[in-house]
Amino acid sequence: MHSNFDLFADTEQPHRSEQIGEQSWVLRGFALSRIEQLLPALESVIERAPLRHMMTPGGFSMSVATSSCGALGWITDRSGYRYSAEDPISHQPWPQMPEVFRELAQAAAKQGGFSDFIPDSCLINRYVPGAKMSLHQDKDEHSYAAPIVSLSLGLPAMFLFGGFARSDKSQRISLLHGDMVIWGGVDRLRYHGILPIKYGRHPQLGEQRFNLTFRTAG
């Protein structure tokens, strides 16, 4: 794993905010200034709670490998989708959310108009070329008052941001290393997903993409 986390210097892009919904934003390059703190923190979490391919309620193995940190972790198995205070593999609490994760998520949320965001869960999804995420809503949280804050690292991805029905037309939004997406308020339950990741090699993370999704789950 260490070979994929070599800390080459990123060429920082000017920060740009792109509005994609009434209360939804893409923050271009927002995380780049913190990459050298984010990647070791991510590696540390994964060492303590290794990535795994979870089973959906329908019995299918997810194409993304997942882990979590924070007070609650998102899990799925034959019993359904839910949050749990412990890792189902180790039966131990999930690793604490690194402070750099929390600070970044809160800064991004504030930029998107959600200044009181307090994340208690960070879902880590690892995509390799060909992996995808079907259109879905984030609705396993106790309340929908808080936004969803998403961070992209590694290979580019094509983010689908749809409407309030699965059949609604989706925007296609290219996400690059260091980009963040925030959606909440009236947009909180929009369908979203990721098209299959294309083959490539990122100079810092190799042939993979990580997506960190911060939520207030409890």
C-alpha atoms as a PDB file:
ATOM      1  CA  MET A   1       0.000   0.000   0.000  1.00  0.00           C
ATOM      2  CA  HIS A   2       2.847   2.405   0.769  1.00  0.00           C
ATOM      3  CA  SER A   3       3.924   2.511  -2.867  1.00  0.00           C
ATOM      4  CA  ASN A   4       0.566   3.981  -3.833  1.00  0.00           C
ATOM      5  CA  PHE A   5       0.826   6.817  -1.302  1.00  0.00           C
ATOM      6  CA  ASP A   6       4.068   8.441  -2.444  1.00  0.00           C
ATOM      7  CA  LEU A   7       3.672  12.133  -1.742  1.00  0.00           C
ATOM      8  CA  PHE A   8       4.513  13.863  -4.997  1.00  0.00           C
ATOM      9  CA  ALA A   9       3.736  17.565  -5.040  1.00  0.00           C
ATOM     10  CA  ASP A  10       0.439  18.383  -6.734  1.00  0.00           C
ATOM     11  CA  THR A  11       0.182  21.335  -9.043  1.00  0.00           C
ATOM     12  CA  GLU A  12      -2.443  23.375  -7.251  1.00  0.00           C
ATOM     13  CA  GLN A  13      -5.291  24.723  -9.315  1.00  0.00           C
ATOM     14  CA  PRO A  14      -7.099  27.955  -8.459  1.00  0.00           C
ATOM     15  CA  HIS A  15     -10.138  27.185  -6.321  1.00  0.00           C
ATOM     16  CA  ARG A  16     -13.399  27.472  -8.240  1.00  0.00           C
ATOM     17  CA  SER A  17     -16.942  26.920  -7.017  1.00  0.00           C
ATOM     18  CA  GLU A  18     -19.474  25.485  -9.464  1.00  0.00           C
ATOM     19  CA  GLN A  19     -23.129  25.461  -8.471  1.00  0.00           C
ATOM     20  CA  ILE A  20     -24.850  22.254  -9.609  1.00  0.00           C
ATOM     21  CA  GLY A  21     -28.144  22.594  -7.710  1.00  0.00           C
ATOM     22  CA  GLU A  22     -30.010  25.057  -5.543  1.00  0.00           C
ATOM     23  CA  GLN A  23     -27.951  23.971  -2.518  1.00  0.00           C
ATOM     24  CA  SER A  24     -25.243  21.931  -4.230  1.00  0.00           C
ATOM     25  CA  TRP A  25     -21.683  22.826  -5.176  1.00  0.00           C
ATOM     26  CA  VAL A  26     -18.498  21.416  -6.670  1.00  0.00           C
ATOM     27  CA  LEU A  27     -15.409  22.959  -5.078  1.00  0.00           C
ATOM     28  CA  ARG A  28     -12.576  22.489  -7.555  1.00  0.00           C
ATOM     29  CA  GLY A  29      -9.202  21.681  -5.990  1.00  0.00           C
ATOM     30  CA  PHE A  30     -10.486  22.521  -2.515  1.00  0.00           C
ATOM     31  CA  ALA A  31      -8.481  19.759  -0.788  1.00  0.00           C
ATOM     32  CA  LEU A  32      -5.191  20.128  -2.664  1.00  0.00           C
ATOM     33  CA  SER A  33      -3.536  22.298  -0.021  1.00  0.00           C
ATOM     34  CA  ARG A  34      -4.073  19.504   2.559  1.00  0.00           C
ATOM     35  CA  ILE A  35      -3.096  16.478   0.462  1.00  0.00           C
ATOM     36  CA  GLU A  36       0.154  15.867   2.349  1.00  0.00           C
ATOM     37  CA  GLN A  37      -1.833  15.531   5.589  1.00  0.00           C
ATOM     38  CA  LEU A  38      -4.834  13.714   4.092  1.00  0.00           C
ATOM     39  CA  LEU A  39      -3.025  10.801   2.460  1.00  0.00           C
ATOM     40  CA  PRO A  40      -1.082   9.565   5.523  1.00  0.00           C
ATOM     41  CA  ALA A  41      -4.278   9.911   7.589  1.00  0.00           C
ATOM     42  CA  LEU A  42      -6.190   7.856   5.016  1.00  0.00           C
ATOM     43  CA  GLU A  43      -3.483   5.203   4.997  1.00  0.00           C
ATOM     44  CA  SER A  44      -3.571   4.985   8.784  1.00  0.00           C
ATOM     45  CA  VAL A  45      -7.355   4.465   8.816  1.00  0.00           C
ATOM     46  CA  ILE A  46      -7.160   1.722   6.182  1.00  0.00           C
ATOM     47  CA  GLU A  47      -4.386  -0.062   8.082  1.00  0.00           C
ATOM     48  CA  ARG A  48      -6.655  -0.271  11.132  1.00  0.00           C
ATOM     49  CA  ALA A  49      -9.912  -0.984   9.259  1.00  0.00           C
ATOM     50  CA  PRO A  50      -8.904  -2.720   6.000  1.00  0.00           C
ATOM     51  CA  LEU A  51     -10.890  -2.222   2.820  1.00  0.00           C
ATOM     52  CA  ARG A  52     -13.424  -4.921   2.021  1.00  0.00           C
ATOM     53  CA  HIS A  53     -16.049  -5.679  -0.645  1.00  0.00           C
ATOM     54  CA  MET A  54     -19.362  -5.693   1.177  1.00  0.00           C
ATOM     55  CA  MET A  55     -22.439  -7.665   0.162  1.00  0.00           C
ATOM     56  CA  THR A  56     -25.647  -5.915  -0.830  1.00  0.00           C
ATOM     57  CA  PRO A  57     -29.025  -7.077   0.562  1.00  0.00           C
ATOM     58  CA  GLY A  58     -29.615  -8.706  -2.818  1.00  0.00           C
ATOM     59  CA  GLY A  59     -26.524 -10.869  -2.425  1.00  0.00           C
ATOM     60  CA  PHE A  60     -24.192  -9.044  -4.813  1.00  0.00           C
ATOM     61  CA  SER A  61     -20.618  -8.051  -3.973  1.00  0.00           C
ATOM     62  CA  MET A  62     -20.036  -4.308  -4.356  1.00  0.00           C
ATOM     63  CA  SER A  63     -17.477  -3.358  -7.014  1.00  0.00           C
ATOM     64  CA  VAL A  64     -16.024  -0.724  -4.675  1.00  0.00           C
ATOM     65  CA  ALA A  65     -14.035  -1.698  -1.593  1.00  0.00           C
ATOM     66  CA  THR A  66     -15.094   0.142   1.550  1.00  0.00           C
ATOM     67  CA  SER A  67     -14.008   1.135   5.025  1.00  0.00           C
ATOM     68  CA  SER A  68     -15.087   3.800   7.509  1.00  0.00           C
ATOM     69  CA  CYS A  69     -13.902   6.013  10.312  1.00  0.00           C
ATOM     70  CA  GLY A  70     -15.695   8.081  12.909  1.00  0.00           C
ATOM     71  CA  ALA A  71     -18.282   7.182  15.534  1.00  0.00           C
ATOM     72  CA  LEU A  72     -20.417   5.345  12.951  1.00  0.00           C
ATOM     73  CA  GLY A  73     -19.529   3.357   9.850  1.00  0.00           C
ATOM     74  CA  TRP A  74     -21.816   2.527   6.955  1.00  0.00           C
ATOM     75  CA  ILE A  75     -22.251  -1.196   6.317  1.00  0.00           C
ATOM     76  CA  THR A  76     -24.317  -3.472   4.115  1.00  0.00           C
ATOM     77  CA  ASP A  77     -25.075  -7.190   4.181  1.00  0.00           C
ATOM     78  CA  ARG A  78     -28.043  -9.509   3.682  1.00  0.00           C
ATOM     79  CA  SER A  79     -29.839  -7.669   6.496  1.00  0.00           C
ATOM     80  CA  GLY A  80     -29.782  -4.324   4.677  1.00  0.00           C
ATOM     81  CA  TYR A  81     -28.031  -0.965   4.659  1.00  0.00           C
ATOM     82  CA  ARG A  82     -27.311   0.711   7.993  1.00  0.00           C
ATOM     83  CA  TYR A  83     -24.772   2.381  10.258  1.00  0.00           C
ATOM     84  CA  SER A  84     -22.871   0.533  12.972  1.00  0.00           C
ATOM     85  CA  ALA A  85     -20.602   1.712  15.786  1.00  0.00           C
ATOM     86  CA  GLU A  86     -18.282  -1.253  15.224  1.00  0.00           C
ATOM     87  CA  ASP A  87     -16.418  -2.755  12.304  1.00  0.00           C
ATOM     88  CA  PRO A  88     -18.200  -6.060  11.478  1.00  0.00           C
ATOM     89  CA  ILE A  89     -14.847  -7.696  10.673  1.00  0.00           C
ATOM     90  CA  SER A  90     -12.860  -6.770  13.779  1.00  0.00           C
ATOM     91  CA  HIS A  91     -15.871  -6.222  16.084  1.00  0.00           C
ATOM     92  CA  GLN A  92     -13.985  -3.161  17.345  1.00  0.00           C
ATOM     93  CA  PRO A  93     -15.013   0.503  17.083  1.00  0.00           C
ATOM     94  CA  TRP A  94     -14.134   2.130  13.791  1.00  0.00           C
ATOM     95  CA  PRO A  95     -10.945   4.229  13.818  1.00  0.00           C
ATOM     96  CA  GLN A  96     -11.445   7.773  15.016  1.00  0.00           C
ATOM     97  CA  MET A  97     -11.980  10.311  12.271  1.00  0.00           C
ATOM     98  CA  PRO A  98      -8.639  12.096  11.696  1.00  0.00           C
ATOM     99  CA  GLU A  99      -8.781  15.766  12.597  1.00  0.00           C
ATOM    100  CA  VAL A 100      -7.614  16.751   9.114  1.00  0.00           C
ATOM    101  CA  PHE A 101     -10.636  14.899   7.686  1.00  0.00           C
ATOM    102  CA  ARG A 102     -13.071  16.667  10.015  1.00  0.00           C
ATOM    103  CA  GLU A 103     -11.559  20.112   9.480  1.00  0.00           C
ATOM    104  CA  LEU A 104     -11.601  19.721   5.695  1.00  0.00           C
ATOM    105  CA  ALA A 105     -15.204  18.471   5.639  1.00  0.00           C
ATOM    106  CA  GLN A 106     -16.370  21.332   7.838  1.00  0.00           C
ATOM    107  CA  ALA A 107     -14.492  23.930   5.777  1.00  0.00           C
ATOM    108  CA  ALA A 108     -16.029  22.589   2.564  1.00  0.00           C
ATOM    109  CA  ALA A 109     -19.506  22.479   4.096  1.00  0.00           C
ATOM    110  CA  LYS A 110     -19.136  26.071   5.259  1.00  0.00           C
ATOM    111  CA  GLN A 111     -18.108  27.089   1.730  1.00  0.00           C
ATOM    112  CA  GLY A 112     -21.322  25.460   0.495  1.00  0.00           C
ATOM    113  CA  GLY A 113     -23.493  27.335   2.984  1.00  0.00           C
ATOM    114  CA  PHE A 114     -23.669  24.723   5.774  1.00  0.00           C
ATOM    115  CA  SER A 115     -21.661  26.293   8.571  1.00  0.00           C
ATOM    116  CA  ASP A 116     -22.870  24.019  11.391  1.00  0.00           C
ATOM    117  CA  PHE A 117     -21.876  20.653   9.833  1.00  0.00           C
ATOM    118  CA  ILE A 118     -20.578  18.144  12.394  1.00  0.00           C
ATOM    119  CA  PRO A 119     -19.682  14.848  10.653  1.00  0.00           C
ATOM    120  CA  ASP A 120     -19.705  11.679  12.747  1.00  0.00           C
ATOM    121  CA  SER A 121     -19.086   9.256   9.879  1.00  0.00           C
ATOM    122  CA  CYS A 122     -16.687   9.053   6.948  1.00  0.00           C
ATOM    123  CA  LEU A 123     -17.327   6.321   4.397  1.00  0.00           C
ATOM    124  CA  ILE A 124     -14.225   5.427   2.358  1.00  0.00           C
ATOM    125  CA  ASN A 125     -14.831   3.908  -1.083  1.00  0.00           C
ATOM    126  CA  ARG A 126     -11.926   2.652  -3.188  1.00  0.00           C
ATOM    127  CA  TYR A 127     -12.534   2.372  -6.930  1.00  0.00           C
ATOM    128  CA  VAL A 128     -10.256   0.563  -9.361  1.00  0.00           C
ATOM    129  CA  PRO A 129     -10.751   0.847 -13.136  1.00  0.00           C
ATOM    130  CA  GLY A 130     -14.148  -0.601 -14.039  1.00  0.00           C
ATOM    131  CA  ALA A 131     -15.660  -0.088 -10.585  1.00  0.00           C
ATOM    132  CA  LYS A 132     -18.796   2.048 -10.392  1.00  0.00           C
ATOM    133  CA  MET A 133     -21.598   3.172  -8.103  1.00  0.00           C
ATOM    134  CA  SER A 134     -25.186   2.904  -9.294  1.00  0.00           C
ATOM    135  CA  LEU A 135     -27.598   5.798  -8.836  1.00  0.00           C
ATOM    136  CA  HIS A 136     -28.784   5.927  -5.236  1.00  0.00           C
ATOM    137  CA  GLN A 137     -29.922   8.284  -2.482  1.00  0.00           C
ATOM    138  CA  ASP A 138     -28.105   8.688   0.837  1.00  0.00           C
ATOM    139  CA  LYS A 139     -31.000   7.999   3.186  1.00  0.00           C
ATOM    140  CA  ASP A 140     -29.717   5.690   5.922  1.00  0.00           C
ATOM    141  CA  GLU A 141     -28.903   8.651   8.164  1.00  0.00           C
ATOM    142  CA  HIS A 142     -31.016   9.468  11.234  1.00  0.00           C
ATOM    143  CA  SER A 143     -31.785  12.947   9.879  1.00  0.00           C
ATOM    144  CA  TYR A 144     -31.443  14.661   6.507  1.00  0.00           C
ATOM    145  CA  ALA A 145     -30.782  18.091   8.034  1.00  0.00           C
ATOM    146  CA  ALA A 146     -27.014  17.892   7.469  1.00  0.00           C
ATOM    147  CA  PRO A 147     -25.427  17.933   3.997  1.00  0.00           C
ATOM    148  CA  ILE A 148     -23.362  15.255   2.300  1.00  0.00           C
ATOM    149  CA  VAL A 149     -19.716  16.265   1.779  1.00  0.00           C
ATOM    150  CA  SER A 150     -17.677  14.229  -0.702  1.00  0.00           C
ATOM    151  CA  LEU A 151     -13.923  14.265  -1.450  1.00  0.00           C
ATOM    152  CA  SER A 152     -12.295  12.785  -4.574  1.00  0.00           C
ATOM    153  CA  LEU A 153      -8.700  11.501  -4.536  1.00  0.00           C
ATOM    154  CA  GLY A 154      -6.728   9.751  -7.266  1.00  0.00           C
ATOM    155  CA  LEU A 155      -8.075   8.825 -10.690  1.00  0.00           C
ATOM    156  CA  PRO A 156     -10.727  11.036 -12.323  1.00  0.00           C
ATOM    157  CA  ALA A 157     -14.383  10.055 -12.048  1.00  0.00           C
ATOM    158  CA  MET A 158     -17.602  10.970 -13.829  1.00  0.00           C
ATOM    159  CA  PHE A 159     -20.124  11.907 -11.153  1.00  0.00           C
ATOM    160  CA  LEU A 160     -23.818  11.531 -11.918  1.00  0.00           C
ATOM    161  CA  PHE A 161     -26.003  14.064 -10.095  1.00  0.00           C
ATOM    162  CA  GLY A 162     -29.659  13.435 -10.734  1.00  0.00           C
ATOM    163  CA  GLY A 163     -33.071  14.408  -9.477  1.00  0.00           C
ATOM    164  CA  PHE A 164     -35.426  13.018  -6.874  1.00  0.00           C
ATOM    165  CA  ALA A 165     -36.473   9.976  -8.907  1.00  0.00           C
ATOM    166  CA  ARG A 166     -34.057   7.401 -10.268  1.00  0.00           C
ATOM    167  CA  SER A 167     -35.432   7.995 -13.778  1.00  0.00           C
ATOM    168  CA  ASP A 168     -34.717  11.754 -13.725  1.00  0.00           C
ATOM    169  CA  LYS A 169     -31.995  12.970 -16.048  1.00  0.00           C
ATOM    170  CA  SER A 170     -28.564  13.236 -14.410  1.00  0.00           C
ATOM    171  CA  GLN A 171     -25.873  15.842 -14.849  1.00  0.00           C
ATOM    172  CA  ARG A 172     -22.455  14.394 -15.694  1.00  0.00           C
ATOM    173  CA  ILE A 173     -19.726  16.143 -13.722  1.00  0.00           C
ATOM    174  CA  SER A 174     -16.032  15.305 -14.032  1.00  0.00           C
ATOM    175  CA  LEU A 175     -14.301  15.058 -10.647  1.00  0.00           C
ATOM    176  CA  LEU A 176     -10.533  15.303 -10.262  1.00  0.00           C
ATOM    177  CA  HIS A 177      -8.042  14.743  -7.444  1.00  0.00           C
ATOM    178  CA  GLY A 178      -8.787  17.219  -4.656  1.00  0.00           C
ATOM    179  CA  ASP A 179     -12.280  18.178  -5.812  1.00  0.00           C
ATOM    180  CA  MET A 180     -15.129  18.222  -3.300  1.00  0.00           C
ATOM    181  CA  VAL A 181     -18.906  18.087  -3.745  1.00  0.00           C
ATOM    182  CA  ILE A 182     -21.468  19.336  -1.215  1.00  0.00           C
ATOM    183  CA  TRP A 183     -25.205  18.799  -1.442  1.00  0.00           C
ATOM    184  CA  GLY A 184     -27.826  19.401   1.216  1.00  0.00           C
ATOM    185  CA  GLY A 185     -30.996  21.271   2.073  1.00  0.00           C
ATOM    186  CA  VAL A 186     -33.506  20.997  -0.756  1.00  0.00           C
ATOM    187  CA  ASP A 187     -31.001  18.873  -2.732  1.00  0.00           C
ATOM    188  CA  ARG A 188     -30.175  16.435   0.073  1.00  0.00           C
ATOM    189  CA  LEU A 189     -32.018  13.426  -1.378  1.00  0.00           C
ATOM    190  CA  ARG A 190     -30.929  13.762  -4.994  1.00  0.00           C
ATOM    191  CA  TYR A 191     -29.905  10.549  -6.722  1.00  0.00           C
ATOM    192  CA  HIS A 192     -26.188  10.313  -7.491  1.00  0.00           C
ATOM    193  CA  GLY A 193     -23.644   7.775  -8.666  1.00  0.00           C
ATOM    194  CA  ILE A 194     -20.322   7.164 -10.416  1.00  0.00           C
ATOM    195  CA  LEU A 195     -19.806   5.827 -13.944  1.00  0.00           C
ATOM    196  CA  PRO A 196     -17.220   3.036 -14.357  1.00  0.00           C
ATOM    197  CA  ILE A 197     -13.736   4.386 -13.633  1.00  0.00           C
ATOM    198  CA  LYS A 198     -11.523   4.553 -16.705  1.00  0.00           C
ATOM    199  CA  TYR A 199      -8.057   3.043 -16.822  1.00  0.00           C
ATOM    200  CA  GLY A 200      -5.255   5.364 -15.825  1.00  0.00           C
ATOM    201  CA  ARG A 201      -2.530   5.955 -13.281  1.00  0.00           C
ATOM    202  CA  HIS A 202      -2.500   8.822 -10.822  1.00  0.00           C
ATOM    203  CA  PRO A 203       1.008   9.989  -9.806  1.00  0.00           C
ATOM    204  CA  GLN A 204       0.215   9.796  -6.089  1.00  0.00           C
ATOM    205  CA  LEU A 205      -2.393   7.042  -5.791  1.00  0.00           C
ATOM    206  CA  GLY A 206      -1.698   4.796  -8.756  1.00  0.00           C
ATOM    207  CA  GLU A 207      -4.490   2.899 -10.504  1.00  0.00           C
ATOM    208  CA  GLN A 208      -7.249   3.768  -8.061  1.00  0.00           C
ATOM    209  CA  ARG A 209      -9.640   6.428  -6.858  1.00  0.00           C
ATOM    210  CA  PHE A 210     -10.716   7.082  -3.293  1.00  0.00           C
ATOM    211  CA  ASN A 211     -13.961   8.799  -2.419  1.00  0.00           C
ATOM    212  CA  LEU A 212     -14.442   9.971   1.166  1.00  0.00           C
ATOM    213  CA  THR A 213     -18.027  10.821   2.033  1.00  0.00           C
ATOM    214  CA  PHE A 214     -18.660  12.746   5.258  1.00  0.00           C
ATOM    215  CA  ARG A 215     -22.069  12.560   6.892  1.00  0.00           C
ATOM    216  CA  THR A 216     -23.944  13.260  10.106  1.00  0.00           C
ATOM    217  CA  ALA A 217     -25.373   9.781  10.534  1.00  0.00           C
ATOM    218  CA  GLY A 218     -26.437   9.535  14.166  1.00  0.00           C
END
